[in-house]
Amino acid sequence: MKKGIHPQDYRSVVFKDMSNGNVTITKSTVKTKESIDIEGTEYPLVKIEISSSSHPYYTGKMKFVDTAGRVDKFNKRYKKA
C-alpha cells in the first residue's frame, strides 16, 4: 500500500436518512456545513435521501414512486392493445 495517499482527518460524522429520520454515527472525512447535537455532543451532519434502513432491497418493502406520471402515460399509450 502506498504511503501518504490516504486522508488523516477522520472524525465522527452523523449521516441522517431524510426519508425515515434514522441517524448513524461513523468516522468519515466528508466536509459538511451543518451540524447536529446528539446526547450533548455536536457532530457534523450529512443528509442522505436513502440508506440501508429505508432502501426497499434491505427492508423487503417495495416502495412505488411514480415520477412525472410515467405509469399513467404508459397505461394511456398502451390501453388500446
N, C-alpha and C. Protein backbone atom coordinates (compact mmCIF):
# COMPACT_ATOMS: atom_id res chain seq x y z
N MET A 1 0.84 -1.17 0.00
CA MET A 1 0.00 0.00 0.00
C MET A 1 0.89 1.24 0.00
N LYS A 2 0.54 2.21 -0.83
CA LYS A 2 1.34 3.43 -0.92
C LYS A 2 1.18 4.28 0.34
N LYS A 3 2.25 4.89 0.75
CA LYS A 3 2.23 5.76 1.92
C LYS A 3 1.87 7.19 1.51
N GLY A 4 1.12 7.87 2.38
CA GLY A 4 0.83 9.29 2.17
C GLY A 4 -0.32 9.60 1.23
N ILE A 5 -1.09 8.60 0.77
CA ILE A 5 -2.18 8.91 -0.15
C ILE A 5 -3.55 8.86 0.54
N HIS A 6 -3.61 8.35 1.75
CA HIS A 6 -4.89 8.24 2.45
C HIS A 6 -5.09 9.43 3.38
N PRO A 7 -6.33 9.91 3.50
CA PRO A 7 -6.59 11.06 4.38
C PRO A 7 -6.34 10.72 5.84
N GLN A 8 -5.96 11.72 6.59
CA GLN A 8 -5.66 11.54 8.02
C GLN A 8 -6.67 12.24 8.92
N ASP A 9 -7.59 13.01 8.34
CA ASP A 9 -8.50 13.83 9.15
C ASP A 9 -9.86 13.16 9.37
N TYR A 10 -9.87 11.89 9.79
CA TYR A 10 -11.12 11.20 10.10
C TYR A 10 -11.69 11.76 11.39
N ARG A 11 -13.02 11.89 11.43
CA ARG A 11 -13.70 12.35 12.63
C ARG A 11 -15.10 11.72 12.66
N SER A 12 -15.76 11.76 13.78
CA SER A 12 -17.11 11.22 13.88
C SER A 12 -18.08 12.14 13.15
N VAL A 13 -18.92 11.57 12.30
CA VAL A 13 -19.88 12.31 11.50
C VAL A 13 -21.23 11.60 11.59
N VAL A 14 -22.33 12.37 11.59
CA VAL A 14 -23.67 11.81 11.61
C VAL A 14 -24.23 11.81 10.19
N PHE A 15 -24.66 10.64 9.73
CA PHE A 15 -25.38 10.51 8.46
C PHE A 15 -26.85 10.33 8.81
N LYS A 16 -27.71 11.24 8.35
CA LYS A 16 -29.13 11.19 8.67
C LYS A 16 -29.94 10.86 7.43
N ASP A 17 -30.72 9.78 7.49
CA ASP A 17 -31.60 9.38 6.40
C ASP A 17 -32.84 10.26 6.48
N MET A 18 -33.07 11.08 5.46
CA MET A 18 -34.17 12.04 5.50
C MET A 18 -35.53 11.38 5.26
N SER A 19 -35.58 10.16 4.74
CA SER A 19 -36.86 9.52 4.48
C SER A 19 -37.46 8.90 5.74
N ASN A 20 -36.63 8.49 6.71
CA ASN A 20 -37.19 7.90 7.93
C ASN A 20 -36.58 8.46 9.21
N GLY A 21 -35.62 9.36 9.10
CA GLY A 21 -35.05 10.00 10.29
C GLY A 21 -33.99 9.20 11.01
N ASN A 22 -33.59 8.06 10.48
CA ASN A 22 -32.57 7.23 11.11
C ASN A 22 -31.21 7.93 11.05
N VAL A 23 -30.48 7.92 12.17
CA VAL A 23 -29.16 8.53 12.20
C VAL A 23 -28.10 7.46 12.47
N THR A 24 -26.95 7.63 11.83
CA THR A 24 -25.83 6.73 12.01
C THR A 24 -24.58 7.57 12.26
N ILE A 25 -23.87 7.26 13.31
CA ILE A 25 -22.63 7.96 13.62
C ILE A 25 -21.48 7.05 13.20
N THR A 26 -20.60 7.59 12.36
CA THR A 26 -19.46 6.81 11.87
C THR A 26 -18.29 7.76 11.62
N LYS A 27 -17.14 7.21 11.38
CA LYS A 27 -15.95 8.01 11.06
C LYS A 27 -15.94 8.33 9.57
N SER A 28 -15.61 9.58 9.23
CA SER A 28 -15.57 9.99 7.83
C SER A 28 -14.70 11.23 7.68
N THR A 29 -14.32 11.50 6.43
CA THR A 29 -13.57 12.72 6.13
C THR A 29 -14.41 13.71 5.34
N VAL A 30 -15.71 13.43 5.18
CA VAL A 30 -16.59 14.27 4.38
C VAL A 30 -16.68 15.67 5.00
N LYS A 31 -16.71 16.68 4.14
CA LYS A 31 -16.82 18.07 4.58
C LYS A 31 -18.29 18.46 4.66
N THR A 32 -18.71 19.09 5.75
CA THR A 32 -20.11 19.49 5.93
C THR A 32 -20.20 20.92 6.42
N LYS A 33 -21.37 21.52 6.18
CA LYS A 33 -21.63 22.87 6.69
C LYS A 33 -22.63 22.86 7.83
N GLU A 34 -23.34 21.74 8.00
CA GLU A 34 -24.35 21.64 9.04
C GLU A 34 -23.83 20.78 10.18
N SER A 35 -24.47 20.94 11.34
CA SER A 35 -24.13 20.11 12.49
C SER A 35 -25.40 19.73 13.23
N ILE A 36 -25.29 18.73 14.09
CA ILE A 36 -26.43 18.25 14.86
C ILE A 36 -25.94 17.89 16.25
N ASP A 37 -26.80 18.12 17.26
CA ASP A 37 -26.47 17.80 18.63
C ASP A 37 -27.14 16.48 19.01
N ILE A 38 -26.35 15.49 19.38
CA ILE A 38 -26.86 14.19 19.81
C ILE A 38 -26.30 13.89 21.18
N GLU A 39 -27.21 13.79 22.16
CA GLU A 39 -26.85 13.49 23.54
C GLU A 39 -25.77 14.42 24.07
N GLY A 40 -25.89 15.70 23.77
CA GLY A 40 -24.96 16.69 24.30
C GLY A 40 -23.66 16.84 23.54
N THR A 41 -23.48 16.09 22.48
CA THR A 41 -22.26 16.19 21.66
C THR A 41 -22.65 16.68 20.28
N GLU A 42 -21.91 17.66 19.79
CA GLU A 42 -22.19 18.21 18.46
C GLU A 42 -21.34 17.50 17.41
N TYR A 43 -22.03 17.03 16.35
CA TYR A 43 -21.37 16.30 15.26
C TYR A 43 -21.65 17.01 13.94
N PRO A 44 -20.75 16.90 12.97
CA PRO A 44 -21.06 17.35 11.61
C PRO A 44 -22.19 16.48 11.06
N LEU A 45 -23.08 17.07 10.25
CA LEU A 45 -24.26 16.37 9.74
C LEU A 45 -24.22 16.25 8.23
N VAL A 46 -24.48 15.03 7.73
CA VAL A 46 -24.62 14.76 6.30
C VAL A 46 -26.02 14.21 6.10
N LYS A 47 -26.82 14.89 5.27
CA LYS A 47 -28.18 14.43 5.00
C LYS A 47 -28.16 13.57 3.74
N ILE A 48 -28.78 12.38 3.84
CA ILE A 48 -28.84 11.47 2.70
C ILE A 48 -30.31 11.12 2.43
N GLU A 49 -30.63 10.83 1.19
CA GLU A 49 -32.01 10.54 0.80
C GLU A 49 -32.41 9.11 1.10
N ILE A 50 -31.48 8.18 1.00
CA ILE A 50 -31.82 6.77 1.21
C ILE A 50 -30.62 6.06 1.81
N SER A 51 -30.91 5.12 2.70
CA SER A 51 -29.85 4.34 3.33
C SER A 51 -30.33 2.90 3.45
N SER A 52 -29.55 2.06 4.08
CA SER A 52 -29.95 0.67 4.23
C SER A 52 -31.18 0.52 5.12
N SER A 53 -31.47 1.52 5.95
CA SER A 53 -32.65 1.44 6.81
C SER A 53 -33.94 1.80 6.08
N SER A 54 -33.83 2.39 4.87
CA SER A 54 -35.03 2.76 4.13
C SER A 54 -35.06 2.21 2.71
N HIS A 55 -33.98 1.59 2.25
CA HIS A 55 -33.94 1.08 0.88
C HIS A 55 -34.77 -0.19 0.77
N PRO A 56 -35.62 -0.29 -0.25
CA PRO A 56 -36.50 -1.46 -0.39
C PRO A 56 -35.75 -2.79 -0.45
N TYR A 57 -34.57 -2.82 -0.98
CA TYR A 57 -33.81 -4.07 -1.07
C TYR A 57 -33.49 -4.61 0.32
N TYR A 58 -33.11 -3.73 1.23
CA TYR A 58 -32.73 -4.16 2.57
C TYR A 58 -33.91 -4.32 3.51
N THR A 59 -34.98 -3.55 3.30
CA THR A 59 -36.13 -3.63 4.19
C THR A 59 -37.13 -4.68 3.76
N GLY A 60 -37.12 -5.08 2.48
CA GLY A 60 -38.07 -6.06 1.99
C GLY A 60 -39.42 -5.46 1.65
N LYS A 61 -39.55 -4.16 1.77
CA LYS A 61 -40.81 -3.47 1.46
C LYS A 61 -40.63 -2.68 0.18
N MET A 62 -41.42 -3.02 -0.81
CA MET A 62 -41.33 -2.30 -2.08
C MET A 62 -42.04 -0.97 -1.95
N LYS A 63 -41.43 0.06 -2.44
CA LYS A 63 -41.99 1.39 -2.38
C LYS A 63 -42.16 1.87 -3.81
N PHE A 64 -43.39 2.16 -4.21
CA PHE A 64 -43.67 2.56 -5.58
C PHE A 64 -43.65 4.08 -5.67
N VAL A 65 -42.78 4.60 -6.51
CA VAL A 65 -42.68 6.04 -6.70
C VAL A 65 -42.94 6.33 -8.17
N ASP A 66 -43.99 7.07 -8.45
CA ASP A 66 -44.33 7.45 -9.82
C ASP A 66 -43.89 8.89 -10.04
N THR A 67 -42.85 9.06 -10.81
CA THR A 67 -42.36 10.40 -11.07
C THR A 67 -42.88 10.89 -12.39
N ALA A 68 -43.49 12.03 -12.37
CA ALA A 68 -43.99 12.72 -13.57
C ALA A 68 -45.05 11.92 -14.32
N GLY A 69 -45.81 11.08 -13.62
CA GLY A 69 -46.91 10.37 -14.24
C GLY A 69 -46.50 9.38 -15.31
N ARG A 70 -45.36 8.78 -15.18
CA ARG A 70 -44.86 7.85 -16.21
C ARG A 70 -45.76 6.63 -16.36
N VAL A 71 -46.28 6.13 -15.25
CA VAL A 71 -47.14 4.96 -15.32
C VAL A 71 -48.44 5.31 -16.04
N ASP A 72 -49.00 6.49 -15.73
CA ASP A 72 -50.23 6.92 -16.40
C ASP A 72 -50.01 7.10 -17.89
N LYS A 73 -48.88 7.66 -18.27
CA LYS A 73 -48.56 7.82 -19.70
C LYS A 73 -48.46 6.46 -20.37
N PHE A 74 -47.82 5.52 -19.72
CA PHE A 74 -47.68 4.18 -20.26
C PHE A 74 -49.03 3.52 -20.44
N ASN A 75 -49.86 3.59 -19.42
CA ASN A 75 -51.19 2.96 -19.48
C ASN A 75 -52.06 3.61 -20.56
N LYS A 76 -51.97 4.90 -20.69
CA LYS A 76 -52.77 5.59 -21.72
C LYS A 76 -52.31 5.20 -23.11
N ARG A 77 -51.02 5.10 -23.31
CA ARG A 77 -50.46 4.78 -24.61
C ARG A 77 -50.80 3.36 -25.05
N TYR A 78 -50.73 2.41 -24.12
CA TYR A 78 -50.92 1.01 -24.47
C TYR A 78 -52.28 0.44 -24.04
N LYS A 79 -53.20 1.29 -23.67
CA LYS A 79 -54.52 0.85 -23.24
C LYS A 79 -55.31 0.21 -24.38
N LYS A 80 -55.08 0.70 -25.59
CA LYS A 80 -55.79 0.19 -26.77
C LYS A 80 -55.45 -1.27 -27.05
N ALA A 81 -54.23 -1.66 -26.78
CA ALA A 81 -53.76 -3.01 -27.12
C ALA A 81 -54.27 -4.04 -26.21
